[in-house]
Amino acid sequence: MTNHRALARNFRQPGAHMTSPILDGEIRDGRHHMQVRVYYEDTDFSGIVYHANYLRFMERGRTNHLRLMGAEQQALFEEAEAETGGFAFVVRSMTLDFLKPARMDDVLDVVTWPLAVKGASIMLAQEIRRRDDVLVKAEVRVAFISGGRAQPIPKPIRALMKADIG
């Protein structure tokens, strides 16, 4: 069973520790914005971003969104290691729509925002943009797993995420 008080200690006030606007992006109008540059390694033989790399960009966006809200994932992982069963956020489902390609040297804006917090899952929307163009849209359901099973999201995390929705 997850110790919710110990879990709550790992959620700090936004910006309290180990955040950098240059690396982590910023939250504006309830949405997390993070820039990434497309490098040669991100592209396929035709010079456009390989489709799976958009998933990597979006994962970074979700991670930094949590970090800027006060959730330090390293502390969460250490807490999970210390407890039997541990816990994790895992992607349960994802719907993607690839609209336009990105190319080497493009600067992209990865935008993340919560849509709903329910029971054991959080529904997030994400977009990858180049200036005003939306290149990729996604809806991501992230589940809270503890002891190998989906569990209700602890109140501190639920409150943190719902505060961002409102």
N, C-alpha and C. Protein backbone atom coordinates (compact mmCIF):
# COMPACT_ATOMS: atom_id res chain seq x y z
N MET A 1 0.84 -1.18 0.00
CA MET A 1 0.00 0.00 0.00
C MET A 1 0.89 1.25 0.00
N THR A 2 0.62 2.18 -0.85
CA THR A 2 1.41 3.39 -0.95
C THR A 2 1.15 4.30 0.24
N ASN A 3 2.22 4.80 0.83
CA ASN A 3 2.11 5.74 1.92
C ASN A 3 1.86 7.12 1.33
N HIS A 4 0.62 7.61 1.42
CA HIS A 4 0.24 8.85 0.76
C HIS A 4 0.90 10.08 1.38
N ARG A 5 1.23 10.03 2.66
CA ARG A 5 1.94 11.16 3.27
C ARG A 5 3.34 11.27 2.69
N ALA A 6 4.00 10.13 2.54
CA ALA A 6 5.34 10.14 1.95
C ALA A 6 5.26 10.60 0.50
N LEU A 7 4.23 10.17 -0.20
CA LEU A 7 4.02 10.59 -1.59
C LEU A 7 3.82 12.10 -1.65
N ALA A 8 3.05 12.64 -0.75
CA ALA A 8 2.78 14.08 -0.75
C ALA A 8 4.06 14.88 -0.52
N ARG A 9 5.02 14.34 0.24
CA ARG A 9 6.29 15.04 0.45
C ARG A 9 7.04 15.25 -0.86
N ASN A 10 6.80 14.36 -1.83
CA ASN A 10 7.50 14.45 -3.10
C ASN A 10 6.85 15.43 -4.07
N PHE A 11 5.76 16.03 -3.68
CA PHE A 11 5.11 17.06 -4.47
C PHE A 11 5.36 18.38 -3.78
N ARG A 12 6.07 19.25 -4.44
CA ARG A 12 6.47 20.52 -3.85
C ARG A 12 5.72 21.65 -4.54
N GLN A 13 5.91 22.82 -4.01
CA GLN A 13 5.34 23.99 -4.65
C GLN A 13 5.98 24.13 -6.03
N PRO A 14 5.19 24.54 -7.04
CA PRO A 14 5.74 24.70 -8.38
C PRO A 14 6.99 25.57 -8.37
N GLY A 15 8.01 25.07 -9.06
CA GLY A 15 9.25 25.82 -9.19
C GLY A 15 10.15 25.76 -7.98
N ALA A 16 9.82 24.96 -6.96
CA ALA A 16 10.57 24.97 -5.72
C ALA A 16 11.94 24.31 -5.84
N HIS A 17 12.13 23.39 -6.77
CA HIS A 17 13.38 22.65 -6.80
C HIS A 17 13.62 22.07 -8.18
N MET A 18 14.83 22.19 -8.65
CA MET A 18 15.29 21.53 -9.86
C MET A 18 14.46 21.83 -11.11
N THR A 19 14.03 23.04 -11.30
CA THR A 19 13.35 23.39 -12.54
C THR A 19 14.13 24.50 -13.23
N SER A 20 14.03 24.53 -14.53
CA SER A 20 14.68 25.55 -15.33
C SER A 20 13.78 25.88 -16.50
N PRO A 21 13.38 27.14 -16.66
CA PRO A 21 12.50 27.49 -17.78
C PRO A 21 13.10 27.12 -19.13
N ILE A 22 14.42 27.20 -19.22
CA ILE A 22 15.07 26.86 -20.49
C ILE A 22 14.90 25.38 -20.79
N LEU A 23 15.04 24.54 -19.78
CA LEU A 23 14.94 23.09 -19.98
C LEU A 23 13.52 22.56 -19.85
N ASP A 24 12.76 23.10 -18.92
CA ASP A 24 11.47 22.51 -18.56
C ASP A 24 10.27 23.19 -19.19
N GLY A 25 10.46 24.36 -19.78
CA GLY A 25 9.34 25.08 -20.36
C GLY A 25 8.63 25.91 -19.29
N GLU A 26 7.37 26.26 -19.58
CA GLU A 26 6.60 27.07 -18.66
C GLU A 26 5.13 26.75 -18.79
N ILE A 27 4.37 27.08 -17.74
CA ILE A 27 2.92 26.91 -17.79
C ILE A 27 2.31 28.28 -18.03
N ARG A 28 1.56 28.38 -19.13
CA ARG A 28 0.86 29.61 -19.49
C ARG A 28 -0.60 29.28 -19.74
N ASP A 29 -1.50 30.01 -19.09
CA ASP A 29 -2.94 29.81 -19.28
C ASP A 29 -3.36 28.36 -19.10
N GLY A 30 -2.79 27.68 -18.08
CA GLY A 30 -3.16 26.31 -17.77
C GLY A 30 -2.58 25.26 -18.70
N ARG A 31 -1.68 25.68 -19.60
CA ARG A 31 -1.06 24.73 -20.54
C ARG A 31 0.46 24.81 -20.41
N HIS A 32 1.07 23.64 -20.43
CA HIS A 32 2.53 23.58 -20.36
C HIS A 32 3.09 23.71 -21.77
N HIS A 33 4.05 24.62 -21.95
CA HIS A 33 4.72 24.82 -23.23
C HIS A 33 6.20 24.51 -23.04
N MET A 34 6.74 23.67 -23.90
CA MET A 34 8.15 23.31 -23.85
C MET A 34 8.69 23.27 -25.28
N GLN A 35 9.79 23.92 -25.50
CA GLN A 35 10.38 23.91 -26.84
C GLN A 35 11.40 22.80 -26.98
N VAL A 36 11.40 22.21 -28.16
CA VAL A 36 12.43 21.23 -28.54
C VAL A 36 12.91 21.58 -29.95
N ARG A 37 14.20 21.39 -30.17
CA ARG A 37 14.76 21.57 -31.50
C ARG A 37 14.89 20.19 -32.14
N VAL A 38 14.61 20.12 -33.41
CA VAL A 38 14.74 18.86 -34.15
C VAL A 38 16.20 18.73 -34.62
N TYR A 39 16.82 17.61 -34.23
CA TYR A 39 18.20 17.32 -34.63
C TYR A 39 18.21 16.24 -35.70
N TYR A 40 19.35 16.08 -36.31
CA TYR A 40 19.53 15.06 -37.35
C TYR A 40 19.08 13.70 -36.85
N GLU A 41 19.44 13.38 -35.61
CA GLU A 41 19.10 12.07 -35.03
C GLU A 41 17.60 11.84 -34.91
N ASP A 42 16.80 12.92 -34.95
CA ASP A 42 15.35 12.81 -34.84
C ASP A 42 14.67 12.52 -36.17
N THR A 43 15.43 12.61 -37.27
CA THR A 43 14.82 12.50 -38.59
C THR A 43 15.06 11.14 -39.22
N ASP A 44 14.25 10.84 -40.24
CA ASP A 44 14.45 9.62 -41.01
C ASP A 44 15.26 9.94 -42.26
N PHE A 45 15.39 9.00 -43.15
CA PHE A 45 16.22 9.18 -44.35
C PHE A 45 15.72 10.31 -45.25
N SER A 46 14.46 10.70 -45.12
CA SER A 46 13.93 11.76 -45.98
C SER A 46 14.07 13.16 -45.36
N GLY A 47 14.61 13.22 -44.12
CA GLY A 47 14.83 14.50 -43.48
C GLY A 47 13.67 15.02 -42.66
N ILE A 48 12.61 14.21 -42.49
CA ILE A 48 11.50 14.62 -41.62
C ILE A 48 11.57 13.83 -40.31
N VAL A 49 10.91 14.36 -39.29
CA VAL A 49 10.95 13.69 -37.98
C VAL A 49 10.30 12.31 -38.10
N TYR A 50 11.04 11.30 -37.64
CA TYR A 50 10.53 9.94 -37.59
C TYR A 50 9.35 9.91 -36.61
N HIS A 51 8.27 9.25 -37.00
CA HIS A 51 7.01 9.32 -36.24
C HIS A 51 7.16 8.97 -34.76
N ALA A 52 7.98 8.00 -34.42
CA ALA A 52 8.12 7.59 -33.02
C ALA A 52 8.78 8.67 -32.16
N ASN A 53 9.54 9.55 -32.79
CA ASN A 53 10.20 10.60 -32.02
C ASN A 53 9.23 11.64 -31.48
N TYR A 54 8.07 11.78 -32.11
CA TYR A 54 7.06 12.67 -31.54
C TYR A 54 6.62 12.15 -30.17
N LEU A 55 6.59 10.82 -30.01
CA LEU A 55 6.24 10.24 -28.71
C LEU A 55 7.26 10.64 -27.65
N ARG A 56 8.55 10.66 -28.02
CA ARG A 56 9.60 11.08 -27.09
C ARG A 56 9.41 12.54 -26.69
N PHE A 57 9.11 13.39 -27.67
CA PHE A 57 8.90 14.81 -27.38
C PHE A 57 7.72 14.97 -26.42
N MET A 58 6.64 14.21 -26.66
CA MET A 58 5.46 14.32 -25.81
C MET A 58 5.72 13.79 -24.41
N GLU A 59 6.50 12.73 -24.29
CA GLU A 59 6.86 12.20 -22.96
C GLU A 59 7.61 13.26 -22.17
N ARG A 60 8.54 13.94 -22.81
CA ARG A 60 9.27 15.02 -22.13
C ARG A 60 8.30 16.12 -21.71
N GLY A 61 7.35 16.43 -22.56
CA GLY A 61 6.36 17.45 -22.21
C GLY A 61 5.55 17.07 -20.99
N ARG A 62 5.09 15.79 -20.94
CA ARG A 62 4.30 15.35 -19.77
C ARG A 62 5.16 15.36 -18.50
N THR A 63 6.40 14.91 -18.60
CA THR A 63 7.30 14.89 -17.45
C THR A 63 7.56 16.29 -16.94
N ASN A 64 7.86 17.21 -17.84
CA ASN A 64 8.15 18.57 -17.41
C ASN A 64 6.90 19.29 -16.92
N HIS A 65 5.76 18.94 -17.46
CA HIS A 65 4.50 19.49 -16.96
C HIS A 65 4.34 19.12 -15.48
N LEU A 66 4.52 17.85 -15.16
CA LEU A 66 4.45 17.41 -13.76
C LEU A 66 5.50 18.11 -12.90
N ARG A 67 6.73 18.20 -13.42
CA ARG A 67 7.81 18.83 -12.66
C ARG A 67 7.45 20.28 -12.32
N LEU A 68 6.95 21.03 -13.29
CA LEU A 68 6.63 22.43 -13.03
C LEU A 68 5.42 22.58 -12.11
N MET A 69 4.59 21.56 -12.04
CA MET A 69 3.47 21.60 -11.11
C MET A 69 3.91 21.22 -9.70
N GLY A 70 5.16 20.76 -9.56
CA GLY A 70 5.69 20.43 -8.25
C GLY A 70 5.96 18.97 -8.03
N ALA A 71 5.77 18.13 -9.04
CA ALA A 71 6.01 16.70 -8.89
C ALA A 71 7.40 16.37 -9.41
N GLU A 72 8.28 16.04 -8.50
CA GLU A 72 9.64 15.67 -8.90
C GLU A 72 9.69 14.16 -9.10
N GLN A 73 9.79 13.76 -10.35
CA GLN A 73 9.68 12.34 -10.64
C GLN A 73 10.80 11.51 -10.02
N GLN A 74 12.02 12.03 -9.93
CA GLN A 74 13.10 11.26 -9.32
C GLN A 74 12.74 10.93 -7.87
N ALA A 75 12.19 11.90 -7.16
CA ALA A 75 11.78 11.66 -5.77
C ALA A 75 10.66 10.63 -5.73
N LEU A 76 9.75 10.70 -6.71
CA LEU A 76 8.67 9.71 -6.76
C LEU A 76 9.21 8.31 -7.01
N PHE A 77 10.18 8.19 -7.93
CA PHE A 77 10.77 6.89 -8.22
C PHE A 77 11.50 6.33 -7.00
N GLU A 78 12.23 7.20 -6.29
CA GLU A 78 12.93 6.75 -5.08
C GLU A 78 11.94 6.27 -4.02
N GLU A 79 10.81 6.99 -3.88
CA GLU A 79 9.78 6.57 -2.93
C GLU A 79 9.21 5.21 -3.34
N ALA A 80 8.97 5.02 -4.63
CA ALA A 80 8.41 3.75 -5.11
C ALA A 80 9.37 2.61 -4.84
N GLU A 81 10.68 2.85 -5.02
CA GLU A 81 11.68 1.82 -4.78
C GLU A 81 11.70 1.40 -3.32
N ALA A 82 11.48 2.37 -2.43
CA ALA A 82 11.54 2.11 -0.99
C ALA A 82 10.34 1.31 -0.48
N GLU A 83 9.26 1.31 -1.22
CA GLU A 83 8.05 0.63 -0.77
C GLU A 83 7.79 -0.63 -1.58
N THR A 84 7.27 -1.63 -0.96
CA THR A 84 6.88 -2.83 -1.69
C THR A 84 5.70 -2.50 -2.59
N GLY A 85 5.77 -2.93 -3.78
CA GLY A 85 4.72 -2.64 -4.75
C GLY A 85 5.00 -1.39 -5.54
N GLY A 86 5.49 -0.36 -4.87
CA GLY A 86 5.80 0.88 -5.55
C GLY A 86 4.62 1.44 -6.30
N PHE A 87 4.86 2.42 -7.13
CA PHE A 87 3.81 2.98 -7.97
C PHE A 87 4.44 3.62 -9.19
N ALA A 88 3.62 3.85 -10.17
CA ALA A 88 4.09 4.49 -11.40
C ALA A 88 2.91 5.08 -12.14
N PHE A 89 3.20 6.04 -12.97
CA PHE A 89 2.25 6.52 -13.96
C PHE A 89 2.62 5.82 -15.26
N VAL A 90 1.67 5.18 -15.88
CA VAL A 90 1.93 4.50 -17.15
C VAL A 90 0.92 4.95 -18.19
N VAL A 91 1.38 5.03 -19.43
CA VAL A 91 0.47 5.38 -20.51
C VAL A 91 -0.45 4.19 -20.75
N ARG A 92 -1.74 4.42 -20.58
CA ARG A 92 -2.75 3.37 -20.77
C ARG A 92 -3.23 3.34 -22.21
N SER A 93 -3.43 4.53 -22.78
CA SER A 93 -3.84 4.61 -24.18
C SER A 93 -3.43 5.96 -24.74
N MET A 94 -3.31 5.98 -26.06
CA MET A 94 -2.90 7.20 -26.74
C MET A 94 -3.50 7.22 -28.13
N THR A 95 -4.08 8.34 -28.49
CA THR A 95 -4.60 8.54 -29.84
C THR A 95 -3.80 9.67 -30.47
N LEU A 96 -3.25 9.42 -31.66
CA LEU A 96 -2.40 10.40 -32.33
C LEU A 96 -2.97 10.74 -33.69
N ASP A 97 -2.76 12.00 -34.07
CA ASP A 97 -3.12 12.44 -35.41
C ASP A 97 -1.94 13.23 -35.95
N PHE A 98 -1.25 12.66 -36.95
CA PHE A 98 -0.10 13.31 -37.57
C PHE A 98 -0.62 14.18 -38.70
N LEU A 99 -0.49 15.50 -38.57
CA LEU A 99 -1.07 16.43 -39.52
C LEU A 99 -0.07 16.98 -40.54
N LYS A 100 1.12 17.35 -40.05
CA LYS A 100 2.16 17.92 -40.91
C LYS A 100 3.52 17.47 -40.38
N PRO A 101 4.52 17.39 -41.26
CA PRO A 101 5.85 16.95 -40.80
C PRO A 101 6.68 18.08 -40.21
N ALA A 102 7.58 17.70 -39.31
CA ALA A 102 8.62 18.61 -38.83
C ALA A 102 9.93 18.18 -39.48
N ARG A 103 10.84 19.13 -39.62
CA ARG A 103 12.11 18.88 -40.29
C ARG A 103 13.28 19.29 -39.41
N MET A 104 14.47 18.83 -39.78
CA MET A 104 15.68 19.15 -39.05
C MET A 104 15.80 20.66 -38.85
N ASP A 105 16.20 21.05 -37.65
CA ASP A 105 16.40 22.43 -37.20
C ASP A 105 15.12 23.18 -36.88
N ASP A 106 13.95 22.57 -37.09
CA ASP A 106 12.71 23.21 -36.65
C ASP A 106 12.74 23.34 -35.13
N VAL A 107 12.17 24.43 -34.62
CA VAL A 107 11.95 24.59 -33.18
C VAL A 107 10.46 24.35 -32.96
N LEU A 108 10.16 23.33 -32.16
CA LEU A 108 8.78 22.91 -31.94
C LEU A 108 8.34 23.28 -30.53
N ASP A 109 7.06 23.54 -30.40
CA ASP A 109 6.44 23.81 -29.10
C ASP A 109 5.59 22.60 -28.74
N VAL A 110 5.96 21.91 -27.67
CA VAL A 110 5.18 20.77 -27.18
C VAL A 110 4.25 21.32 -26.10
N VAL A 111 2.94 21.23 -26.36
CA VAL A 111 1.95 21.82 -25.46
C VAL A 111 1.16 20.68 -24.80
N THR A 112 1.04 20.74 -23.48
CA THR A 112 0.38 19.68 -22.71
C THR A 112 -0.60 20.32 -21.74
N TRP A 113 -1.80 19.73 -21.64
CA TRP A 113 -2.77 20.20 -20.65
C TRP A 113 -3.70 19.07 -20.25
N PRO A 114 -4.13 19.07 -18.97
CA PRO A 114 -5.03 18.02 -18.50
C PRO A 114 -6.46 18.28 -18.96
N LEU A 115 -7.15 17.22 -19.34
CA LEU A 115 -8.56 17.30 -19.71
C LEU A 115 -9.47 16.82 -18.58
N ALA A 116 -9.06 15.73 -17.91
CA ALA A 116 -9.89 15.15 -16.85
C ALA A 116 -9.03 14.33 -15.90
N VAL A 117 -9.42 14.33 -14.64
CA VAL A 117 -8.79 13.48 -13.63
C VAL A 117 -9.90 12.63 -13.04
N LYS A 118 -9.80 11.31 -13.24
CA LYS A 118 -10.85 10.39 -12.77
C LYS A 118 -10.21 9.17 -12.13
N GLY A 119 -10.82 8.67 -11.10
CA GLY A 119 -10.42 7.40 -10.51
C GLY A 119 -8.93 7.15 -10.53
N ALA A 120 -8.52 6.23 -11.41
CA ALA A 120 -7.12 5.83 -11.49
C ALA A 120 -6.42 6.40 -12.72
N SER A 121 -7.04 7.36 -13.41
CA SER A 121 -6.39 7.86 -14.63
C SER A 121 -6.53 9.37 -14.81
N ILE A 122 -5.63 9.89 -15.60
CA ILE A 122 -5.62 11.29 -15.99
C ILE A 122 -5.65 11.32 -17.51
N MET A 123 -6.54 12.12 -18.08
CA MET A 123 -6.58 12.30 -19.53
C MET A 123 -5.92 13.63 -19.85
N LEU A 124 -4.93 13.57 -20.75
CA LEU A 124 -4.19 14.76 -21.16
C LEU A 124 -4.34 14.98 -22.65
N ALA A 125 -4.30 16.23 -23.06
CA ALA A 125 -4.23 16.58 -24.47
C ALA A 125 -2.82 17.10 -24.72
N GLN A 126 -2.31 16.82 -25.91
CA GLN A 126 -0.99 17.33 -26.29
C GLN A 126 -1.01 17.72 -27.76
N GLU A 127 -0.25 18.77 -28.05
CA GLU A 127 -0.04 19.18 -29.44
C GLU A 127 1.44 19.49 -29.62
N ILE A 128 1.92 19.21 -30.80
CA ILE A 128 3.25 19.65 -31.19
C ILE A 128 3.05 20.66 -32.30
N ARG A 129 3.59 21.85 -32.08
CA ARG A 129 3.36 22.97 -33.00
C ARG A 129 4.68 23.52 -33.52
N ARG A 130 4.62 24.05 -34.70
CA ARG A 130 5.70 24.86 -35.26
C ARG A 130 5.07 26.22 -35.54
N ARG A 131 5.40 27.20 -34.70
CA ARG A 131 4.73 28.50 -34.74
C ARG A 131 3.22 28.29 -34.65
N ASP A 132 2.45 28.74 -35.63
CA ASP A 132 0.99 28.61 -35.57
C ASP A 132 0.46 27.29 -36.13
N ASP A 133 1.34 26.48 -36.72
CA ASP A 133 0.91 25.21 -37.33
C ASP A 133 0.89 24.08 -36.30
N VAL A 134 -0.22 23.38 -36.19
CA VAL A 134 -0.29 22.19 -35.35
C VAL A 134 0.17 21.02 -36.22
N LEU A 135 1.24 20.34 -35.78
CA LEU A 135 1.80 19.24 -36.54
C LEU A 135 1.25 17.89 -36.09
N VAL A 136 1.11 17.72 -34.78
CA VAL A 136 0.64 16.46 -34.21
C VAL A 136 -0.32 16.78 -33.07
N LYS A 137 -1.43 16.05 -33.01
CA LYS A 137 -2.38 16.13 -31.89
C LYS A 137 -2.42 14.77 -31.21
N ALA A 138 -2.58 14.78 -29.89
CA ALA A 138 -2.67 13.52 -29.16
C ALA A 138 -3.58 13.67 -27.95
N GLU A 139 -4.26 12.58 -27.62
CA GLU A 139 -4.94 12.44 -26.34
C GLU A 139 -4.30 11.24 -25.66
N VAL A 140 -3.92 11.44 -24.40
CA VAL A 140 -3.17 10.42 -23.67
C VAL A 140 -3.87 10.13 -22.35
N ARG A 141 -4.15 8.86 -22.10
CA ARG A 141 -4.67 8.46 -20.79
C ARG A 141 -3.53 7.83 -20.02
N VAL A 142 -3.23 8.42 -18.86
CA VAL A 142 -2.16 7.94 -17.99
C VAL A 142 -2.80 7.33 -16.76
N ALA A 143 -2.41 6.09 -16.46
CA ALA A 143 -2.98 5.38 -15.31
C ALA A 143 -2.00 5.40 -14.14
N PHE A 144 -2.56 5.41 -12.92
CA PHE A 144 -1.78 5.32 -11.70
C PHE A 144 -1.77 3.86 -11.29
N ILE A 145 -0.58 3.26 -11.24
CA ILE A 145 -0.43 1.83 -10.94
C ILE A 145 0.32 1.66 -9.63
N SER A 146 -0.20 0.81 -8.76
CA SER A 146 0.48 0.48 -7.51
C SER A 146 0.23 -0.99 -7.23
N GLY A 147 1.27 -1.70 -6.82
CA GLY A 147 1.13 -3.13 -6.54
C GLY A 147 0.71 -3.92 -7.77
N GLY A 148 1.09 -3.43 -8.96
CA GLY A 148 0.79 -4.15 -10.19
C GLY A 148 -0.62 -3.93 -10.72
N ARG A 149 -1.41 -3.08 -10.05
CA ARG A 149 -2.80 -2.85 -10.47
C ARG A 149 -3.11 -1.37 -10.49
N ALA A 150 -4.09 -1.01 -11.29
CA ALA A 150 -4.57 0.37 -11.29
C ALA A 150 -5.18 0.67 -9.92
N GLN A 151 -4.85 1.82 -9.38
CA GLN A 151 -5.34 2.24 -8.07
C GLN A 151 -5.86 3.67 -8.18
N PRO A 152 -6.75 4.07 -7.28
CA PRO A 152 -7.19 5.46 -7.29
C PRO A 152 -6.00 6.40 -7.11
N ILE A 153 -6.02 7.49 -7.83
CA ILE A 153 -4.95 8.47 -7.73
C ILE A 153 -5.02 9.11 -6.34
N PRO A 154 -3.90 9.15 -5.62
CA PRO A 154 -3.90 9.75 -4.28
C PRO A 154 -4.36 11.21 -4.32
N LYS A 155 -4.99 11.64 -3.23
CA LYS A 155 -5.56 12.98 -3.17
C LYS A 155 -4.56 14.10 -3.48
N PRO A 156 -3.31 14.03 -2.98
CA PRO A 156 -2.38 15.14 -3.29
C PRO A 156 -2.15 15.30 -4.80
N ILE A 157 -2.04 14.18 -5.50
CA ILE A 157 -1.81 14.23 -6.95
C ILE A 157 -3.09 14.69 -7.64
N ARG A 158 -4.21 14.15 -7.22
CA ARG A 158 -5.50 14.53 -7.82
C ARG A 158 -5.73 16.03 -7.66
N ALA A 159 -5.48 16.57 -6.47
CA ALA A 159 -5.67 18.00 -6.23
C ALA A 159 -4.73 18.83 -7.09
N LEU A 160 -3.49 18.39 -7.22
CA LEU A 160 -2.51 19.09 -8.04
C LEU A 160 -2.97 19.15 -9.49
N MET A 161 -3.44 18.04 -10.03
CA MET A 161 -3.86 17.99 -11.42
C MET A 161 -5.17 18.76 -11.65
N LYS A 162 -6.11 18.64 -10.73
CA LYS A 162 -7.39 19.35 -10.90
C LYS A 162 -7.20 20.85 -10.80
N ALA A 163 -6.24 21.29 -10.00
CA ALA A 163 -5.98 22.73 -9.90
C ALA A 163 -5.55 23.27 -11.26
N ASP A 164 -4.88 22.45 -12.05
CA ASP A 164 -4.40 22.87 -13.36
C ASP A 164 -5.53 22.88 -14.39
N ILE A 165 -6.59 22.10 -14.16
CA ILE A 165 -7.72 22.05 -15.11
C ILE A 165 -8.56 23.30 -14.98
N GLY A 166 -8.82 23.71 -13.74
CA GLY A 166 -9.71 24.83 -13.48
C GLY A 166 -9.21 26.11 -14.01
